[in-house]
Amino acid sequence: MKHVLFELEGCPSPTLDNEEHIKFCLFHAAEASYSKVLKIETQKFVPQGVTGFALLAESHLSIHTWPEKGIAYCDIFTCGDHCQPELAVEYLSKWLSSTNTKSQCYERI
């Protein structure tokens, strides 16, 4: 089991505030990590920001955006040897145009 906590910095504000784009990215990032998506939920906030959650057969992927700061805080938790959560980090970093990505991977028991 792996749990990756990651921060995406320097992201364009409009990208982080686009609920449909966040939903698209969650789905494809999960697939990139070889996880099976069961359900995706997102919530757009006023005046800005999006929170999204992908329920995975292997656990979850989440994102919380702060467009005014150009930051997204995320995590992905996966069970099973076939998953590669680091690939979800790479996918989200690219598709949210992060200029600085920080991540920490934890092995869970």
N, C-alpha and C. Protein backbone atom coordinates (compact mmCIF):
# COMPACT_ATOMS: atom_id res chain seq x y z
N MET A 1 0.85 -1.18 0.00
CA MET A 1 0.00 0.00 0.00
C MET A 1 0.89 1.24 0.00
N LYS A 2 0.55 2.16 -0.88
CA LYS A 2 1.30 3.41 -0.97
C LYS A 2 0.35 4.58 -0.75
N HIS A 3 0.87 5.59 -0.06
CA HIS A 3 0.13 6.83 0.16
C HIS A 3 1.05 7.97 -0.23
N VAL A 4 0.68 8.70 -1.28
CA VAL A 4 1.50 9.81 -1.74
C VAL A 4 0.77 11.11 -1.45
N LEU A 5 1.44 11.99 -0.70
CA LEU A 5 0.94 13.34 -0.44
C LEU A 5 1.74 14.27 -1.34
N PHE A 6 1.03 15.16 -2.06
CA PHE A 6 1.78 16.04 -2.95
C PHE A 6 1.14 17.41 -3.09
N GLU A 7 2.01 18.37 -3.38
CA GLU A 7 1.63 19.76 -3.56
C GLU A 7 2.00 20.18 -4.97
N LEU A 8 1.09 20.86 -5.62
CA LEU A 8 1.33 21.40 -6.95
C LEU A 8 1.32 22.92 -6.82
N GLU A 9 2.45 23.53 -7.12
CA GLU A 9 2.59 24.98 -6.98
C GLU A 9 2.78 25.64 -8.34
N GLY A 10 2.44 26.92 -8.41
CA GLY A 10 2.64 27.68 -9.64
C GLY A 10 1.63 27.35 -10.73
N CYS A 11 0.50 26.80 -10.35
CA CYS A 11 -0.54 26.44 -11.33
C CYS A 11 -1.35 27.68 -11.70
N PRO A 12 -1.77 27.79 -12.96
CA PRO A 12 -2.60 28.93 -13.36
C PRO A 12 -3.95 28.93 -12.62
N SER A 13 -4.33 30.08 -12.15
CA SER A 13 -5.58 30.22 -11.40
C SER A 13 -6.80 29.70 -12.16
N PRO A 14 -6.98 30.05 -13.44
CA PRO A 14 -8.17 29.56 -14.16
C PRO A 14 -8.22 28.02 -14.23
N THR A 15 -7.08 27.39 -14.32
CA THR A 15 -7.02 25.93 -14.38
C THR A 15 -7.50 25.32 -13.07
N LEU A 16 -7.05 25.89 -11.96
CA LEU A 16 -7.41 25.37 -10.64
C LEU A 16 -8.85 25.66 -10.26
N ASP A 17 -9.46 26.63 -10.95
CA ASP A 17 -10.82 27.02 -10.62
C ASP A 17 -11.86 26.41 -11.57
N ASN A 18 -11.40 25.53 -12.46
CA ASN A 18 -12.27 24.92 -13.46
C ASN A 18 -12.70 23.53 -13.00
N GLU A 19 -13.93 23.44 -12.50
CA GLU A 19 -14.42 22.18 -11.93
C GLU A 19 -14.40 21.03 -12.94
N GLU A 20 -14.81 21.29 -14.17
CA GLU A 20 -14.82 20.23 -15.18
C GLU A 20 -13.40 19.74 -15.50
N HIS A 21 -12.46 20.65 -15.54
CA HIS A 21 -11.07 20.26 -15.79
C HIS A 21 -10.52 19.43 -14.63
N ILE A 22 -10.85 19.80 -13.42
CA ILE A 22 -10.41 19.04 -12.24
C ILE A 22 -11.00 17.63 -12.30
N LYS A 23 -12.27 17.52 -12.64
CA LYS A 23 -12.93 16.21 -12.76
C LYS A 23 -12.24 15.36 -13.82
N PHE A 24 -11.97 15.95 -14.98
CA PHE A 24 -11.27 15.27 -16.07
C PHE A 24 -9.90 14.78 -15.61
N CYS A 25 -9.17 15.65 -14.93
CA CYS A 25 -7.82 15.31 -14.46
C CYS A 25 -7.84 14.20 -13.42
N LEU A 26 -8.79 14.24 -12.51
CA LEU A 26 -8.90 13.17 -11.51
C LEU A 26 -9.09 11.81 -12.18
N PHE A 27 -10.01 11.76 -13.14
CA PHE A 27 -10.29 10.50 -13.82
C PHE A 27 -9.05 9.97 -14.53
N HIS A 28 -8.41 10.83 -15.31
CA HIS A 28 -7.28 10.38 -16.12
C HIS A 28 -6.01 10.15 -15.29
N ALA A 29 -5.85 10.88 -14.21
CA ALA A 29 -4.71 10.64 -13.32
C ALA A 29 -4.85 9.28 -12.64
N ALA A 30 -6.06 8.95 -12.22
CA ALA A 30 -6.30 7.64 -11.62
C ALA A 30 -6.02 6.53 -12.62
N GLU A 31 -6.51 6.70 -13.84
CA GLU A 31 -6.24 5.69 -14.87
C GLU A 31 -4.74 5.58 -15.15
N ALA A 32 -4.04 6.71 -15.17
CA ALA A 32 -2.60 6.69 -15.42
C ALA A 32 -1.85 5.88 -14.36
N SER A 33 -2.41 5.84 -13.15
CA SER A 33 -1.77 5.11 -12.05
C SER A 33 -2.18 3.64 -12.00
N TYR A 34 -2.93 3.20 -13.02
CA TYR A 34 -3.44 1.83 -13.10
C TYR A 34 -4.45 1.51 -12.00
N SER A 35 -5.21 2.53 -11.63
CA SER A 35 -6.28 2.37 -10.64
C SER A 35 -7.62 2.35 -11.37
N LYS A 36 -8.62 1.73 -10.74
CA LYS A 36 -9.96 1.67 -11.31
C LYS A 36 -10.85 2.70 -10.63
N VAL A 37 -11.37 3.62 -11.41
CA VAL A 37 -12.25 4.66 -10.89
C VAL A 37 -13.66 4.09 -10.68
N LEU A 38 -14.17 4.26 -9.46
CA LEU A 38 -15.54 3.85 -9.15
C LEU A 38 -16.50 5.02 -9.19
N LYS A 39 -16.02 6.19 -8.74
CA LYS A 39 -16.89 7.37 -8.66
C LYS A 39 -16.03 8.61 -8.49
N ILE A 40 -16.48 9.71 -9.06
CA ILE A 40 -15.80 10.99 -8.89
C ILE A 40 -16.81 12.02 -8.43
N GLU A 41 -16.45 12.76 -7.40
CA GLU A 41 -17.28 13.85 -6.89
C GLU A 41 -16.42 15.12 -6.83
N THR A 42 -17.01 16.24 -7.21
CA THR A 42 -16.32 17.52 -7.10
C THR A 42 -17.26 18.56 -6.52
N GLN A 43 -16.66 19.58 -5.95
CA GLN A 43 -17.44 20.70 -5.41
C GLN A 43 -16.71 21.99 -5.77
N LYS A 44 -17.40 22.90 -6.45
CA LYS A 44 -16.88 24.22 -6.79
C LYS A 44 -17.29 25.18 -5.69
N PHE A 45 -16.36 25.99 -5.23
CA PHE A 45 -16.63 26.94 -4.16
C PHE A 45 -16.67 28.37 -4.68
N VAL A 46 -17.40 29.23 -3.97
CA VAL A 46 -17.49 30.65 -4.27
C VAL A 46 -16.73 31.40 -3.20
N PRO A 47 -15.82 32.27 -3.51
CA PRO A 47 -15.62 32.82 -4.85
C PRO A 47 -14.70 31.99 -5.74
N GLN A 48 -13.96 31.03 -5.18
CA GLN A 48 -13.05 30.24 -6.00
C GLN A 48 -12.64 28.97 -5.28
N GLY A 49 -12.10 28.03 -6.06
CA GLY A 49 -11.59 26.78 -5.51
C GLY A 49 -12.46 25.59 -5.84
N VAL A 50 -11.82 24.45 -5.93
CA VAL A 50 -12.49 23.20 -6.23
C VAL A 50 -11.90 22.11 -5.33
N THR A 51 -12.76 21.26 -4.81
CA THR A 51 -12.32 20.05 -4.13
C THR A 51 -12.87 18.88 -4.92
N GLY A 52 -12.02 17.89 -5.14
CA GLY A 52 -12.44 16.72 -5.89
C GLY A 52 -11.94 15.45 -5.24
N PHE A 53 -12.72 14.40 -5.43
CA PHE A 53 -12.41 13.12 -4.82
C PHE A 53 -12.76 12.01 -5.80
N ALA A 54 -11.78 11.15 -6.07
CA ALA A 54 -12.03 9.97 -6.89
C ALA A 54 -12.00 8.75 -5.98
N LEU A 55 -13.12 8.07 -5.90
CA LEU A 55 -13.18 6.81 -5.17
C LEU A 55 -12.64 5.74 -6.10
N LEU A 56 -11.61 5.05 -5.66
CA LEU A 56 -10.95 4.03 -6.48
C LEU A 56 -11.21 2.65 -5.90
N ALA A 57 -11.19 1.65 -6.73
CA ALA A 57 -11.28 0.28 -6.23
C ALA A 57 -10.12 0.01 -5.28
N GLU A 58 -9.01 0.72 -5.50
CA GLU A 58 -7.81 0.55 -4.69
C GLU A 58 -7.73 1.52 -3.52
N SER A 59 -8.57 2.52 -3.43
CA SER A 59 -8.70 3.47 -2.33
C SER A 59 -9.19 4.82 -2.84
N HIS A 60 -8.32 5.88 -2.90
CA HIS A 60 -8.81 7.19 -3.30
C HIS A 60 -7.71 8.09 -3.87
N LEU A 61 -8.17 9.17 -4.54
CA LEU A 61 -7.34 10.26 -5.03
C LEU A 61 -8.10 11.53 -4.72
N SER A 62 -7.45 12.51 -4.09
CA SER A 62 -8.14 13.75 -3.76
C SER A 62 -7.33 14.97 -4.16
N ILE A 63 -8.05 16.08 -4.37
CA ILE A 63 -7.41 17.36 -4.70
C ILE A 63 -8.21 18.49 -4.07
N HIS A 64 -7.49 19.47 -3.58
CA HIS A 64 -8.09 20.68 -3.00
C HIS A 64 -7.31 21.85 -3.60
N THR A 65 -8.01 22.76 -4.30
CA THR A 65 -7.31 23.83 -5.00
C THR A 65 -7.52 25.19 -4.33
N TRP A 66 -6.49 26.00 -4.41
CA TRP A 66 -6.51 27.40 -3.98
C TRP A 66 -6.04 28.23 -5.18
N PRO A 67 -6.97 28.56 -6.10
CA PRO A 67 -6.59 29.30 -7.30
C PRO A 67 -5.90 30.62 -7.02
N GLU A 68 -6.33 31.30 -5.97
CA GLU A 68 -5.75 32.61 -5.66
C GLU A 68 -4.28 32.51 -5.26
N LYS A 69 -3.84 31.32 -4.88
CA LYS A 69 -2.44 31.09 -4.51
C LYS A 69 -1.70 30.24 -5.53
N GLY A 70 -2.43 29.70 -6.53
CA GLY A 70 -1.82 28.86 -7.55
C GLY A 70 -1.38 27.51 -7.02
N ILE A 71 -2.08 27.02 -5.97
CA ILE A 71 -1.66 25.80 -5.28
C ILE A 71 -2.79 24.77 -5.26
N ALA A 72 -2.40 23.50 -5.39
CA ALA A 72 -3.32 22.39 -5.16
C ALA A 72 -2.64 21.41 -4.22
N TYR A 73 -3.37 20.96 -3.21
CA TYR A 73 -2.88 19.93 -2.29
C TYR A 73 -3.63 18.65 -2.61
N CYS A 74 -2.89 17.56 -2.75
CA CYS A 74 -3.47 16.32 -3.23
C CYS A 74 -2.93 15.12 -2.45
N ASP A 75 -3.65 14.01 -2.58
CA ASP A 75 -3.11 12.74 -2.11
C ASP A 75 -3.71 11.61 -2.91
N ILE A 76 -2.97 10.52 -2.98
CA ILE A 76 -3.47 9.30 -3.59
C ILE A 76 -3.03 8.14 -2.71
N PHE A 77 -3.99 7.31 -2.37
CA PHE A 77 -3.75 6.12 -1.55
C PHE A 77 -4.14 4.92 -2.40
N THR A 78 -3.21 3.98 -2.55
CA THR A 78 -3.51 2.80 -3.37
C THR A 78 -3.09 1.53 -2.67
N CYS A 79 -3.86 0.50 -2.90
CA CYS A 79 -3.56 -0.85 -2.43
C CYS A 79 -3.32 -1.70 -3.68
N GLY A 80 -2.48 -2.67 -3.55
CA GLY A 80 -2.24 -3.56 -4.69
C GLY A 80 -0.93 -3.24 -5.38
N ASP A 81 -0.26 -4.27 -5.80
CA ASP A 81 1.05 -4.11 -6.43
C ASP A 81 0.97 -3.55 -7.84
N HIS A 82 -0.20 -3.61 -8.47
CA HIS A 82 -0.32 -3.16 -9.85
C HIS A 82 -0.41 -1.63 -9.96
N CYS A 83 -0.75 -0.93 -8.89
CA CYS A 83 -0.91 0.53 -8.93
C CYS A 83 0.44 1.23 -8.86
N GLN A 84 0.51 2.34 -9.57
CA GLN A 84 1.69 3.19 -9.55
C GLN A 84 1.26 4.63 -9.30
N PRO A 85 1.00 4.97 -8.03
CA PRO A 85 0.46 6.29 -7.72
C PRO A 85 1.35 7.45 -8.15
N GLU A 86 2.65 7.21 -8.27
CA GLU A 86 3.56 8.27 -8.71
C GLU A 86 3.18 8.77 -10.11
N LEU A 87 2.58 7.90 -10.90
CA LEU A 87 2.16 8.30 -12.25
C LEU A 87 0.98 9.27 -12.20
N ALA A 88 0.14 9.17 -11.18
CA ALA A 88 -0.95 10.14 -10.99
C ALA A 88 -0.37 11.50 -10.64
N VAL A 89 0.68 11.51 -9.83
CA VAL A 89 1.34 12.77 -9.46
C VAL A 89 1.89 13.43 -10.72
N GLU A 90 2.56 12.67 -11.55
CA GLU A 90 3.12 13.20 -12.80
C GLU A 90 2.01 13.74 -13.71
N TYR A 91 0.93 12.99 -13.81
CA TYR A 91 -0.18 13.40 -14.67
C TYR A 91 -0.78 14.73 -14.19
N LEU A 92 -1.10 14.81 -12.91
CA LEU A 92 -1.71 16.04 -12.39
C LEU A 92 -0.75 17.22 -12.48
N SER A 93 0.51 16.98 -12.23
CA SER A 93 1.51 18.05 -12.33
C SER A 93 1.52 18.63 -13.75
N LYS A 94 1.48 17.74 -14.73
CA LYS A 94 1.49 18.19 -16.13
C LYS A 94 0.20 18.90 -16.51
N TRP A 95 -0.95 18.28 -16.24
CA TRP A 95 -2.23 18.81 -16.71
C TRP A 95 -2.74 20.00 -15.91
N LEU A 96 -2.15 20.24 -14.74
CA LEU A 96 -2.49 21.46 -13.98
C LEU A 96 -1.37 22.49 -14.11
N SER A 97 -0.39 22.20 -14.96
CA SER A 97 0.70 23.12 -15.29
C SER A 97 1.48 23.59 -14.07
N SER A 98 1.78 22.67 -13.18
CA SER A 98 2.55 23.00 -11.98
C SER A 98 3.99 23.35 -12.36
N THR A 99 4.50 24.43 -11.77
CA THR A 99 5.90 24.79 -11.99
C THR A 99 6.80 24.21 -10.90
N ASN A 100 6.19 23.71 -9.82
CA ASN A 100 6.95 23.12 -8.72
C ASN A 100 6.07 22.07 -8.04
N THR A 101 6.50 20.82 -8.10
CA THR A 101 5.75 19.72 -7.50
C THR A 101 6.57 19.10 -6.39
N LYS A 102 5.95 18.99 -5.22
CA LYS A 102 6.60 18.35 -4.07
C LYS A 102 5.77 17.14 -3.68
N SER A 103 6.43 16.01 -3.45
CA SER A 103 5.67 14.83 -3.06
C SER A 103 6.46 13.99 -2.06
N GLN A 104 5.71 13.28 -1.25
CA GLN A 104 6.27 12.32 -0.30
C GLN A 104 5.45 11.05 -0.40
N CYS A 105 6.15 9.92 -0.52
CA CYS A 105 5.48 8.62 -0.62
C CYS A 105 5.70 7.84 0.67
N TYR A 106 4.61 7.31 1.20
CA TYR A 106 4.67 6.51 2.42
C TYR A 106 4.20 5.09 2.12
N GLU A 107 4.92 4.13 2.63
CA GLU A 107 4.47 2.74 2.55
C GLU A 107 3.57 2.51 3.77
N ARG A 108 2.35 2.06 3.51
CA ARG A 108 1.42 1.79 4.60
C ARG A 108 1.30 0.29 4.80
N ILE A 109 1.01 -0.10 6.01
CA ILE A 109 0.89 -1.53 6.32
C ILE A 109 -0.55 -1.97 6.21
